[in-house]
Amino acid sequence: DRLITGCDLDLYITFDNVKVGELQAQFIADRLPAVGKLRLLRIYGSKTDNNAFLFKQGQDNVLKPLIEAGKIEVVFEDWAEDWKPENAKKIANAAITQGRGVNFDAVLASNDGTAGGAIQALIEENAAGRVIVTGQDADLAACQRIVQGTQTMTVYKPIQKLATGAAAAAVKLATRRPLVARS
């Protein structure tokens, strides 16, 4: 599910990652306070992964009008190098330090690993479970955090369907049979 750039590409199979970002952001938008604004920490994925930009694009599709209307304030944002949870934790810690505490209502983390890093920072501040935290991938640890109440949501992407399609396409390419692109 990661685009290899700078090469001759025969085929690319992926999820609608813009839609994934929209789902994450819409979850937060649906929880806007009746009065005041929602303060948001945004943790993007790795700058070296095209998917991170697609997730951000989808998030921006939903958030930009709300930010412009003053309903959401982005208090801190940064890219988590290599999608590593420890880098996301550093971002959350920086936001906490800058705000002199947890001064945000939600963390829009671009995947479950970065959500886990942000949650570690929230645990250290006794704020885990009081702040909305998004993710995506529906990995086991994230699902467990959802049950525990420290992560609020994740986006499940049916990897089996993608893997089956990729295998079928690879066989067709190897046997020089035609591929029919579908969206």
C-alpha atoms as a PDB file:
ATOM      1  CA  ASP A   1       0.000   0.000   0.000  1.00  0.00           C
ATOM      2  CA  ARG A   2       2.978   2.326  -0.374  1.00  0.00           C
ATOM      3  CA  LEU A   3       3.752   4.015  -3.670  1.00  0.00           C
ATOM      4  CA  ILE A   4       7.331   3.606  -4.848  1.00  0.00           C
ATOM      5  CA  THR A   5       8.279   6.884  -6.482  1.00  0.00           C
ATOM      6  CA  GLY A   6      11.043   7.547  -8.997  1.00  0.00           C
ATOM      7  CA  CYS A   7      10.670   4.299 -10.946  1.00  0.00           C
ATOM      8  CA  ASP A   8       8.824   2.832 -13.886  1.00  0.00           C
ATOM      9  CA  LEU A   9       5.584   1.632 -12.376  1.00  0.00           C
ATOM     10  CA  ASP A  10       3.465  -1.132 -13.836  1.00  0.00           C
ATOM     11  CA  LEU A  11       0.767  -1.249 -11.195  1.00  0.00           C
ATOM     12  CA  TYR A  12      -0.188   0.387  -7.917  1.00  0.00           C
ATOM     13  CA  ILE A  13      -2.895  -1.067  -5.690  1.00  0.00           C
ATOM     14  CA  THR A  14      -4.002   0.920  -2.678  1.00  0.00           C
ATOM     15  CA  PHE A  15      -6.880   2.032  -0.518  1.00  0.00           C
ATOM     16  CA  ASP A  16      -8.536   5.410  -0.932  1.00  0.00           C
ATOM     17  CA  ASN A  17      -6.195   7.136   1.488  1.00  0.00           C
ATOM     18  CA  VAL A  18      -7.785  10.542   0.948  1.00  0.00           C
ATOM     19  CA  LYS A  19     -11.048   8.966   2.160  1.00  0.00           C
ATOM     20  CA  VAL A  20      -9.256   7.516   5.191  1.00  0.00           C
ATOM     21  CA  GLY A  21      -8.072  11.013   6.131  1.00  0.00           C
ATOM     22  CA  GLU A  22     -11.587  12.356   5.630  1.00  0.00           C
ATOM     23  CA  LEU A  23     -13.009   9.674   7.935  1.00  0.00           C
ATOM     24  CA  GLN A  24     -10.499  10.547  10.652  1.00  0.00           C
ATOM     25  CA  ALA A  25     -11.201  14.265  10.429  1.00  0.00           C
ATOM     26  CA  GLN A  26     -14.973  13.795  10.196  1.00  0.00           C
ATOM     27  CA  PHE A  27     -14.893  11.791  13.422  1.00  0.00           C
ATOM     28  CA  ILE A  28     -13.362  14.819  15.133  1.00  0.00           C
ATOM     29  CA  ALA A  29     -15.663  17.277  13.342  1.00  0.00           C
ATOM     30  CA  ASP A  30     -18.676  15.324  14.591  1.00  0.00           C
ATOM     31  CA  ARG A  31     -17.498  15.995  18.148  1.00  0.00           C
ATOM     32  CA  LEU A  32     -17.156  19.772  17.984  1.00  0.00           C
ATOM     33  CA  PRO A  33     -18.240  21.487  21.195  1.00  0.00           C
ATOM     34  CA  ALA A  34     -21.565  23.347  21.135  1.00  0.00           C
ATOM     35  CA  VAL A  35     -19.804  26.460  22.411  1.00  0.00           C
ATOM     36  CA  GLY A  36     -16.222  27.471  21.746  1.00  0.00           C
ATOM     37  CA  LYS A  37     -13.727  25.733  19.543  1.00  0.00           C
ATOM     38  CA  LEU A  38     -12.003  22.402  19.501  1.00  0.00           C
ATOM     39  CA  ARG A  39      -8.238  22.602  20.009  1.00  0.00           C
ATOM     40  CA  LEU A  40      -6.410  20.086  17.840  1.00  0.00           C
ATOM     41  CA  LEU A  41      -2.965  18.487  17.793  1.00  0.00           C
ATOM     42  CA  ARG A  42      -2.176  17.082  14.342  1.00  0.00           C
ATOM     43  CA  ILE A  43       0.413  14.344  13.949  1.00  0.00           C
ATOM     44  CA  TYR A  44       1.070  13.539  10.328  1.00  0.00           C
ATOM     45  CA  GLY A  45       2.849  10.459   9.032  1.00  0.00           C
ATOM     46  CA  SER A  46       6.285  10.229   7.498  1.00  0.00           C
ATOM     47  CA  LYS A  47       7.230  12.855   4.906  1.00  0.00           C
ATOM     48  CA  THR A  48       8.891  10.072   2.896  1.00  0.00           C
ATOM     49  CA  ASP A  49       5.573   8.230   2.410  1.00  0.00           C
ATOM     50  CA  ASN A  50       3.148   9.498  -0.236  1.00  0.00           C
ATOM     51  CA  ASN A  51       0.281   8.021   1.796  1.00  0.00           C
ATOM     52  CA  ALA A  52       0.957  10.537   4.586  1.00  0.00           C
ATOM     53  CA  PHE A  53       0.237  13.366   2.156  1.00  0.00           C
ATOM     54  CA  LEU A  54      -2.950  11.645   0.984  1.00  0.00           C
ATOM     55  CA  PHE A  55      -4.177  11.208   4.571  1.00  0.00           C
ATOM     56  CA  LYS A  56      -3.408  14.888   5.230  1.00  0.00           C
ATOM     57  CA  GLN A  57      -5.222  15.906   2.041  1.00  0.00           C
ATOM     58  CA  GLY A  58      -8.336  14.072   3.190  1.00  0.00           C
ATOM     59  CA  GLN A  59      -8.074  15.523   6.688  1.00  0.00           C
ATOM     60  CA  ASP A  60      -7.700  19.018   5.218  1.00  0.00           C
ATOM     61  CA  ASN A  61     -10.794  18.497   3.035  1.00  0.00           C
ATOM     62  CA  VAL A  62     -12.866  18.248   6.210  1.00  0.00           C
ATOM     63  CA  LEU A  63     -10.912  20.475   8.601  1.00  0.00           C
ATOM     64  CA  LYS A  64     -10.068  23.500   6.459  1.00  0.00           C
ATOM     65  CA  PRO A  65     -13.590  25.007   6.449  1.00  0.00           C
ATOM     66  CA  LEU A  66     -13.899  24.385  10.207  1.00  0.00           C
ATOM     67  CA  ILE A  67     -10.525  25.994  10.887  1.00  0.00           C
ATOM     68  CA  GLU A  68     -11.444  28.987   8.712  1.00  0.00           C
ATOM     69  CA  ALA A  69     -14.776  29.298  10.561  1.00  0.00           C
ATOM     70  CA  GLY A  70     -12.955  29.331  13.918  1.00  0.00           C
ATOM     71  CA  LYS A  71     -14.546  26.083  15.082  1.00  0.00           C
ATOM     72  CA  ILE A  72     -11.198  24.255  15.222  1.00  0.00           C
ATOM     73  CA  GLU A  73      -7.832  25.647  16.244  1.00  0.00           C
ATOM     74  CA  VAL A  74      -4.712  23.680  15.361  1.00  0.00           C
ATOM     75  CA  VAL A  75      -2.507  24.245  18.405  1.00  0.00           C
ATOM     76  CA  PHE A  76       0.426  22.149  17.177  1.00  0.00           C
ATOM     77  CA  GLU A  77       1.297  20.008  14.157  1.00  0.00           C
ATOM     78  CA  ASP A  78       4.277  18.071  12.886  1.00  0.00           C
ATOM     79  CA  TRP A  79       5.365  15.072  10.788  1.00  0.00           C
ATOM     80  CA  ALA A  80       6.330  11.833  12.564  1.00  0.00           C
ATOM     81  CA  GLU A  81       9.523  10.642  10.926  1.00  0.00           C
ATOM     82  CA  ASP A  82       9.244   7.041   9.688  1.00  0.00           C
ATOM     83  CA  TRP A  83       5.774   6.763  11.327  1.00  0.00           C
ATOM     84  CA  LYS A  84       7.556   5.828  14.568  1.00  0.00           C
ATOM     85  CA  PRO A  85       5.477   6.006  17.764  1.00  0.00           C
ATOM     86  CA  GLU A  86       8.438   7.489  19.641  1.00  0.00           C
ATOM     87  CA  ASN A  87       8.539  10.368  17.151  1.00  0.00           C
ATOM     88  CA  ALA A  88       4.796  10.937  17.609  1.00  0.00           C
ATOM     89  CA  LYS A  89       5.346  10.937  21.373  1.00  0.00           C
ATOM     90  CA  LYS A  90       8.006  13.636  20.948  1.00  0.00           C
ATOM     91  CA  ILE A  91       5.522  15.711  18.939  1.00  0.00           C
ATOM     92  CA  ALA A  92       2.835  15.305  21.602  1.00  0.00           C
ATOM     93  CA  ASN A  93       5.378  16.140  24.324  1.00  0.00           C
ATOM     94  CA  ALA A  94       6.374  19.287  22.411  1.00  0.00           C
ATOM     95  CA  ALA A  95       2.712  20.314  22.149  1.00  0.00           C
ATOM     96  CA  ILE A  96       2.257  19.729  25.878  1.00  0.00           C
ATOM     97  CA  THR A  97       5.405  21.718  26.710  1.00  0.00           C
ATOM     98  CA  GLN A  98       4.422  24.580  24.401  1.00  0.00           C
ATOM     99  CA  GLY A  99       0.896  24.712  25.837  1.00  0.00           C
ATOM    100  CA  ARG A 100       2.128  24.349  29.426  1.00  0.00           C
ATOM    101  CA  GLY A 101       0.055  21.210  29.772  1.00  0.00           C
ATOM    102  CA  VAL A 102      -2.490  19.355  27.695  1.00  0.00           C
ATOM    103  CA  ASN A 103      -4.175  22.331  26.025  1.00  0.00           C
ATOM    104  CA  PHE A 104      -5.830  20.342  23.245  1.00  0.00           C
ATOM    105  CA  ASP A 105      -9.077  18.415  22.995  1.00  0.00           C
ATOM    106  CA  ALA A 106      -8.126  16.001  20.239  1.00  0.00           C
ATOM    107  CA  VAL A 107      -5.152  14.370  18.553  1.00  0.00           C
ATOM    108  CA  LEU A 108      -5.552  13.661  14.863  1.00  0.00           C
ATOM    109  CA  ALA A 109      -2.890  10.955  14.531  1.00  0.00           C
ATOM    110  CA  SER A 110      -2.485   9.686  10.992  1.00  0.00           C
ATOM    111  CA  ASN A 111      -2.134   6.028  11.976  1.00  0.00           C
ATOM    112  CA  ASP A 112      -2.445   3.768  15.000  1.00  0.00           C
ATOM    113  CA  GLY A 113       1.286   3.725  15.691  1.00  0.00           C
ATOM    114  CA  THR A 114       1.474   7.503  15.937  1.00  0.00           C
ATOM    115  CA  ALA A 115      -1.730   7.453  17.994  1.00  0.00           C
ATOM    116  CA  GLY A 116       0.017   5.084  20.412  1.00  0.00           C
ATOM    117  CA  GLY A 117       2.957   7.459  20.750  1.00  0.00           C
ATOM    118  CA  ALA A 118       0.638  10.393  21.464  1.00  0.00           C
ATOM    119  CA  ILE A 119      -1.260   8.311  24.012  1.00  0.00           C
ATOM    120  CA  GLN A 120       2.000   7.550  25.849  1.00  0.00           C
ATOM    121  CA  ALA A 121       2.545  11.292  26.239  1.00  0.00           C
ATOM    122  CA  LEU A 122      -1.052  11.689  27.443  1.00  0.00           C
ATOM    123  CA  ILE A 123      -0.599   8.877  29.971  1.00  0.00           C
ATOM    124  CA  GLU A 124       2.380  10.740  31.437  1.00  0.00           C
ATOM    125  CA  GLU A 125       0.112  13.776  31.916  1.00  0.00           C
ATOM    126  CA  ASN A 126      -2.798  11.741  33.357  1.00  0.00           C
ATOM    127  CA  ALA A 127      -4.870  12.865  30.367  1.00  0.00           C
ATOM    128  CA  ALA A 128      -5.290   9.568  28.481  1.00  0.00           C
ATOM    129  CA  GLY A 129      -8.965   8.896  27.884  1.00  0.00           C
ATOM    130  CA  ARG A 130      -9.932  12.567  28.218  1.00  0.00           C
ATOM    131  CA  VAL A 131      -8.585  13.556  24.774  1.00  0.00           C
ATOM    132  CA  ILE A 132     -10.015  12.294  21.468  1.00  0.00           C
ATOM    133  CA  VAL A 133      -7.339  10.305  19.599  1.00  0.00           C
ATOM    134  CA  THR A 134      -7.773   9.045  16.035  1.00  0.00           C
ATOM    135  CA  GLY A 135      -5.791   6.464  14.105  1.00  0.00           C
ATOM    136  CA  GLN A 136      -6.086   4.076  11.186  1.00  0.00           C
ATOM    137  CA  ASP A 137      -5.063   0.506  10.421  1.00  0.00           C
ATOM    138  CA  ALA A 138      -7.135  -1.117  13.197  1.00  0.00           C
ATOM    139  CA  ASP A 139      -4.030  -2.840  14.514  1.00  0.00           C
ATOM    140  CA  LEU A 140      -4.445  -5.018  17.603  1.00  0.00           C
ATOM    141  CA  ALA A 141      -2.818  -2.562  20.015  1.00  0.00           C
ATOM    142  CA  ALA A 142      -5.117   0.235  18.780  1.00  0.00           C
ATOM    143  CA  CYS A 143      -8.206  -1.931  19.177  1.00  0.00           C
ATOM    144  CA  GLN A 144      -7.073  -2.747  22.716  1.00  0.00           C
ATOM    145  CA  ARG A 145      -6.570   0.978  23.429  1.00  0.00           C
ATOM    146  CA  ILE A 146     -10.092   1.640  22.140  1.00  0.00           C
ATOM    147  CA  VAL A 147     -11.473  -0.959  24.553  1.00  0.00           C
ATOM    148  CA  GLN A 148      -9.401   0.613  27.367  1.00  0.00           C
ATOM    149  CA  GLY A 149     -10.712   4.063  26.430  1.00  0.00           C
ATOM    150  CA  THR A 150      -7.383   5.725  25.611  1.00  0.00           C
ATOM    151  CA  GLN A 151      -7.832   5.741  21.810  1.00  0.00           C
ATOM    152  CA  THR A 152     -11.130   6.919  20.418  1.00  0.00           C
ATOM    153  CA  MET A 153     -11.249   5.539  16.876  1.00  0.00           C
ATOM    154  CA  THR A 154      -9.415   3.785  14.105  1.00  0.00           C
ATOM    155  CA  VAL A 155     -10.157   3.195  10.428  1.00  0.00           C
ATOM    156  CA  TYR A 156     -10.209  -0.442   9.384  1.00  0.00           C
ATOM    157  CA  LYS A 157      -8.858  -1.152   5.920  1.00  0.00           C
ATOM    158  CA  PRO A 158      -9.521  -4.716   4.712  1.00  0.00           C
ATOM    159  CA  ILE A 159      -5.953  -5.747   3.860  1.00  0.00           C
ATOM    160  CA  GLN A 160      -7.021  -9.228   2.728  1.00  0.00           C
ATOM    161  CA  LYS A 161      -8.958  -7.722  -0.190  1.00  0.00           C
ATOM    162  CA  LEU A 162      -5.957  -5.608  -1.206  1.00  0.00           C
ATOM    163  CA  ALA A 163      -3.528  -8.535  -0.909  1.00  0.00           C
ATOM    164  CA  THR A 164      -5.770 -10.834  -2.945  1.00  0.00           C
ATOM    165  CA  GLY A 165      -6.079  -8.207  -5.683  1.00  0.00           C
ATOM    166  CA  ALA A 166      -2.331  -7.630  -5.713  1.00  0.00           C
ATOM    167  CA  ALA A 167      -1.606 -11.356  -6.019  1.00  0.00           C
ATOM    168  CA  ALA A 168      -4.100 -11.757  -8.863  1.00  0.00           C
ATOM    169  CA  ALA A 169      -2.627  -8.760 -10.680  1.00  0.00           C
ATOM    170  CA  ALA A 170       0.918 -10.096 -10.221  1.00  0.00           C
ATOM    171  CA  VAL A 171      -0.065 -13.424 -11.787  1.00  0.00           C
ATOM    172  CA  LYS A 172      -1.658 -11.619 -14.738  1.00  0.00           C
ATOM    173  CA  LEU A 173       1.456  -9.487 -15.222  1.00  0.00           C
ATOM    174  CA  ALA A 174       3.752 -12.520 -14.986  1.00  0.00           C
ATOM    175  CA  THR A 175       1.688 -14.463 -17.521  1.00  0.00           C
ATOM    176  CA  ARG A 176       1.321 -11.397 -19.779  1.00  0.00           C
ATOM    177  CA  ARG A 177      -2.476 -11.397 -19.481  1.00  0.00           C
ATOM    178  CA  PRO A 178      -4.278  -8.052 -19.694  1.00  0.00           C
ATOM    179  CA  LEU A 179      -5.169  -6.112 -16.593  1.00  0.00           C
ATOM    180  CA  VAL A 180      -8.359  -4.123 -16.368  1.00  0.00           C
ATOM    181  CA  ALA A 181      -8.049  -1.126 -14.045  1.00  0.00           C
ATOM    182  CA  ARG A 182     -10.913  -0.515 -11.610  1.00  0.00           C
ATOM    183  CA  SER A 183     -11.441   2.255  -9.179  1.00  0.00           C
END
